[in-house]
Amino acid sequence: MLEDLDQLADRISKLVGHARALQSERDLLKSQLQQAESDRDLFAVKLAGQGEQAKALQTQVSTFESEMAGLKAQSQAKQAALQGSLDLFKQEQSTLQAQLESRDQEVVRLRKATESAKERIEAVLERLPGAIIEEQK
């Protein structure tokens, strides 16, 4: 019977050792769980902060897109106005070029007419009595 008691004492000692090991493992797991919950809470706070930051950035992006659309519309309007002015100036330049060519043709015609008149006057002057002949000069 003593042997049975010794075996029972050994088994109880092993059981107590095993219970202590389980208790120690439970305490370690409980500590790890608390650390994991603490990390989770920290990450939740960070995530919420980043969510707010993302919303703020999205608002800024929307604002910048609106401004960019407005500036693009202004740029297109200015470009259209400048294109209109350019077309007007090209048309005016074309008109002035045509007038210049017309004036140049008129000048050429007038020079020819002047030359022709000069020749006729010289011919008339040569036929007048007392005219000096150019060869005698």
C-alpha atoms as a PDB file:
ATOM      1  CA  MET A   1       0.000   0.000   0.000  1.00  0.00           C
ATOM      2  CA  LEU A   2       2.898   2.299   0.621  1.00  0.00           C
ATOM      3  CA  GLU A   3       3.938   1.766  -2.913  1.00  0.00           C
ATOM      4  CA  ASP A   4       0.502   2.762  -4.068  1.00  0.00           C
ATOM      5  CA  LEU A   5       0.728   5.869  -1.942  1.00  0.00           C
ATOM      6  CA  ASP A   6       4.171   6.658  -3.358  1.00  0.00           C
ATOM      7  CA  GLN A   7       2.864   6.177  -6.863  1.00  0.00           C
ATOM      8  CA  LEU A   8      -0.124   8.349  -6.022  1.00  0.00           C
ATOM      9  CA  ALA A   9       2.194  11.000  -4.534  1.00  0.00           C
ATOM     10  CA  ASP A  10       4.345  10.865  -7.673  1.00  0.00           C
ATOM     11  CA  ARG A  11       1.300  11.191  -9.861  1.00  0.00           C
ATOM     12  CA  ILE A  12      -0.010  14.046  -7.740  1.00  0.00           C
ATOM     13  CA  SER A  13       3.409  15.766  -7.929  1.00  0.00           C
ATOM     14  CA  LYS A  14       3.430  15.345 -11.686  1.00  0.00           C
ATOM     15  CA  LEU A  15      -0.147  16.598 -11.837  1.00  0.00           C
ATOM     16  CA  VAL A  16       0.743  19.611  -9.679  1.00  0.00           C
ATOM     17  CA  GLY A  17       3.797  20.255 -11.879  1.00  0.00           C
ATOM     18  CA  HIS A  18       1.681  19.950 -14.963  1.00  0.00           C
ATOM     19  CA  ALA A  19      -0.979  22.255 -13.437  1.00  0.00           C
ATOM     20  CA  ARG A  20       1.748  24.778 -12.586  1.00  0.00           C
ATOM     21  CA  ALA A  21       3.119  24.548 -16.133  1.00  0.00           C
ATOM     22  CA  LEU A  22      -0.397  25.067 -17.500  1.00  0.00           C
ATOM     23  CA  GLN A  23      -0.894  27.980 -15.074  1.00  0.00           C
ATOM     24  CA  SER A  24       2.404  29.504 -16.249  1.00  0.00           C
ATOM     25  CA  GLU A  25       1.460  28.948 -19.899  1.00  0.00           C
ATOM     26  CA  ARG A  26      -1.976  30.485 -19.218  1.00  0.00           C
ATOM     27  CA  ASP A  27      -0.324  33.547 -17.646  1.00  0.00           C
ATOM     28  CA  LEU A  28       2.027  33.860 -20.644  1.00  0.00           C
ATOM     29  CA  LEU A  29      -0.866  33.526 -23.096  1.00  0.00           C
ATOM     30  CA  LYS A  30      -2.902  36.042 -21.072  1.00  0.00           C
ATOM     31  CA  SER A  31       0.043  38.464 -21.226  1.00  0.00           C
ATOM     32  CA  GLN A  32       0.392  37.917 -24.961  1.00  0.00           C
ATOM     33  CA  LEU A  33      -3.363  38.432 -25.392  1.00  0.00           C
ATOM     34  CA  GLN A  34      -3.168  41.722 -23.495  1.00  0.00           C
ATOM     35  CA  GLN A  35      -0.225  42.811 -25.663  1.00  0.00           C
ATOM     36  CA  ALA A  36      -2.140  41.824 -28.824  1.00  0.00           C
ATOM     37  CA  GLU A  37      -5.209  43.769 -27.636  1.00  0.00           C
ATOM     38  CA  SER A  38      -3.011  46.761 -26.860  1.00  0.00           C
ATOM     39  CA  ASP A  39      -1.436  46.546 -30.349  1.00  0.00           C
ATOM     40  CA  ARG A  40      -4.906  46.180 -31.885  1.00  0.00           C
ATOM     41  CA  ASP A  41      -6.123  49.298 -30.084  1.00  0.00           C
ATOM     42  CA  LEU A  42      -3.014  51.205 -31.171  1.00  0.00           C
ATOM     43  CA  PHE A  43      -3.512  50.119 -34.789  1.00  0.00           C
ATOM     44  CA  ALA A  44      -7.202  51.043 -34.592  1.00  0.00           C
ATOM     45  CA  VAL A  45      -6.242  54.549 -33.463  1.00  0.00           C
ATOM     46  CA  LYS A  46      -3.654  54.808 -36.243  1.00  0.00           C
ATOM     47  CA  LEU A  47      -6.163  53.525 -38.781  1.00  0.00           C
ATOM     48  CA  ALA A  48      -8.749  56.064 -37.671  1.00  0.00           C
ATOM     49  CA  GLY A  49      -6.145  58.832 -37.939  1.00  0.00           C
ATOM     50  CA  GLN A  50      -5.134  57.676 -41.389  1.00  0.00           C
ATOM     51  CA  GLY A  51      -8.796  57.498 -42.394  1.00  0.00           C
ATOM     52  CA  GLU A  52      -9.242  61.119 -41.376  1.00  0.00           C
ATOM     53  CA  GLN A  53      -6.055  62.045 -43.173  1.00  0.00           C
ATOM     54  CA  ALA A  54      -7.260  60.199 -46.282  1.00  0.00           C
ATOM     55  CA  LYS A  55     -10.560  62.104 -46.145  1.00  0.00           C
ATOM     56  CA  ALA A  56      -8.679  65.411 -45.826  1.00  0.00           C
ATOM     57  CA  LEU A  57      -6.441  64.486 -48.756  1.00  0.00           C
ATOM     58  CA  GLN A  58      -9.470  63.469 -50.829  1.00  0.00           C
ATOM     59  CA  THR A  59     -11.057  66.829 -50.079  1.00  0.00           C
ATOM     60  CA  GLN A  60      -7.860  68.571 -51.176  1.00  0.00           C
ATOM     61  CA  VAL A  61      -7.744  66.486 -54.348  1.00  0.00           C
ATOM     62  CA  SER A  62     -11.342  67.428 -55.127  1.00  0.00           C
ATOM     63  CA  THR A  63     -10.572  71.096 -54.492  1.00  0.00           C
ATOM     64  CA  PHE A  64      -7.487  70.970 -56.705  1.00  0.00           C
ATOM     65  CA  GLU A  65      -9.408  69.170 -59.450  1.00  0.00           C
ATOM     66  CA  SER A  66     -12.091  71.866 -59.347  1.00  0.00           C
ATOM     67  CA  GLU A  67      -9.463  74.609 -59.486  1.00  0.00           C
ATOM     68  CA  MET A  68      -7.692  72.832 -62.322  1.00  0.00           C
ATOM     69  CA  ALA A  69     -10.949  72.512 -64.269  1.00  0.00           C
ATOM     70  CA  GLY A  70     -11.598  76.240 -63.762  1.00  0.00           C
ATOM     71  CA  LEU A  71      -8.084  77.144 -64.871  1.00  0.00           C
ATOM     72  CA  LYS A  72      -8.406  74.865 -67.877  1.00  0.00           C
ATOM     73  CA  ALA A  73     -11.667  76.546 -68.862  1.00  0.00           C
ATOM     74  CA  GLN A  74     -10.047  79.972 -68.473  1.00  0.00           C
ATOM     75  CA  SER A  75      -7.084  78.838 -70.525  1.00  0.00           C
ATOM     76  CA  GLN A  76      -9.338  77.537 -73.283  1.00  0.00           C
ATOM     77  CA  ALA A  77     -11.332  80.778 -73.295  1.00  0.00           C
ATOM     78  CA  LYS A  78      -8.136  82.837 -73.515  1.00  0.00           C
ATOM     79  CA  GLN A  79      -6.800  80.586 -76.244  1.00  0.00           C
ATOM     80  CA  ALA A  80     -10.041  80.977 -78.205  1.00  0.00           C
ATOM     81  CA  ALA A  81      -9.879  84.764 -77.787  1.00  0.00           C
ATOM     82  CA  LEU A  82      -6.248  84.829 -78.886  1.00  0.00           C
ATOM     83  CA  GLN A  83      -7.042  82.583 -81.843  1.00  0.00           C
ATOM     84  CA  GLY A  84      -9.841  84.989 -82.802  1.00  0.00           C
ATOM     85  CA  SER A  85      -7.437  87.928 -82.575  1.00  0.00           C
ATOM     86  CA  LEU A  86      -4.858  86.030 -84.597  1.00  0.00           C
ATOM     87  CA  ASP A  87      -7.426  85.228 -87.290  1.00  0.00           C
ATOM     88  CA  LEU A  88      -8.490  88.869 -87.368  1.00  0.00           C
ATOM     89  CA  PHE A  89      -4.881  90.037 -87.688  1.00  0.00           C
ATOM     90  CA  LYS A  90      -4.223  87.485 -90.426  1.00  0.00           C
ATOM     91  CA  GLN A  91      -7.269  88.707 -92.303  1.00  0.00           C
ATOM     92  CA  GLU A  92      -6.181  92.320 -91.842  1.00  0.00           C
ATOM     93  CA  GLN A  93      -2.645  91.446 -92.957  1.00  0.00           C
ATOM     94  CA  SER A  94      -4.050  89.712 -96.023  1.00  0.00           C
ATOM     95  CA  THR A  95      -6.184  92.769 -96.841  1.00  0.00           C
ATOM     96  CA  LEU A  96      -3.221  95.094 -96.360  1.00  0.00           C
ATOM     97  CA  GLN A  97      -1.047  92.830 -98.517  1.00  0.00           C
ATOM     98  CA  ALA A  98      -3.652  92.927-101.296  1.00  0.00           C
ATOM     99  CA  GLN A  99      -3.875  96.726-100.998  1.00  0.00           C
ATOM    100  CA  LEU A 100      -0.075  96.970-101.130  1.00  0.00           C
ATOM    101  CA  GLU A 101       0.062  94.830-104.258  1.00  0.00           C
ATOM    102  CA  SER A 102      -2.683  96.970-105.807  1.00  0.00           C
ATOM    103  CA  ARG A 103      -0.743 100.139-104.922  1.00  0.00           C
ATOM    104  CA  ASP A 104       2.463  98.636-106.320  1.00  0.00           C
ATOM    105  CA  GLN A 105       0.669  97.874-109.583  1.00  0.00           C
ATOM    106  CA  GLU A 106      -0.738 101.402-109.615  1.00  0.00           C
ATOM    107  CA  VAL A 107       2.748 102.851-109.020  1.00  0.00           C
ATOM    108  CA  VAL A 108       4.129 100.770-111.894  1.00  0.00           C
ATOM    109  CA  ARG A 109       1.251 101.903-114.120  1.00  0.00           C
ATOM    110  CA  LEU A 110       1.775 105.537-113.095  1.00  0.00           C
ATOM    111  CA  ARG A 111       5.523 105.293-113.763  1.00  0.00           C
ATOM    112  CA  LYS A 112       4.807 103.915-117.204  1.00  0.00           C
ATOM    113  CA  ALA A 113       2.261 106.663-117.806  1.00  0.00           C
ATOM    114  CA  THR A 114       4.757 109.250-116.532  1.00  0.00           C
ATOM    115  CA  GLU A 115       7.476 107.868-118.756  1.00  0.00           C
ATOM    116  CA  SER A 116       5.098 107.810-121.721  1.00  0.00           C
ATOM    117  CA  ALA A 117       3.987 111.402-120.995  1.00  0.00           C
ATOM    118  CA  LYS A 118       7.597 112.484-120.614  1.00  0.00           C
ATOM    119  CA  GLU A 119       8.451 110.938-123.976  1.00  0.00           C
ATOM    120  CA  ARG A 120       5.475 112.637-125.632  1.00  0.00           C
ATOM    121  CA  ILE A 121       6.411 115.986-124.075  1.00  0.00           C
ATOM    122  CA  GLU A 122       9.985 115.608-125.260  1.00  0.00           C
ATOM    123  CA  ALA A 123       8.715 114.704-128.729  1.00  0.00           C
ATOM    124  CA  VAL A 124       6.503 117.792-128.747  1.00  0.00           C
ATOM    125  CA  LEU A 125       9.339 119.983-127.484  1.00  0.00           C
ATOM    126  CA  GLU A 126      11.644 118.679-130.176  1.00  0.00           C
ATOM    127  CA  ARG A 127       9.153 119.684-132.879  1.00  0.00           C
ATOM    128  CA  LEU A 128       8.832 123.196-131.570  1.00  0.00           C
ATOM    129  CA  PRO A 129      10.741 125.857-133.468  1.00  0.00           C
ATOM    130  CA  GLY A 130      14.028 126.750-131.761  1.00  0.00           C
ATOM    131  CA  ALA A 131      14.341 123.379-130.080  1.00  0.00           C
ATOM    132  CA  ILE A 132      17.815 122.298-129.234  1.00  0.00           C
ATOM    133  CA  ILE A 133      18.804 119.022-130.633  1.00  0.00           C
ATOM    134  CA  GLU A 134      20.324 116.814-127.990  1.00  0.00           C
ATOM    135  CA  GLU A 135      23.097 115.630-130.233  1.00  0.00           C
ATOM    136  CA  GLN A 136      24.443 119.180-130.544  1.00  0.00           C
ATOM    137  CA  LYS A 137      24.812 119.615-126.826  1.00  0.00           C
END
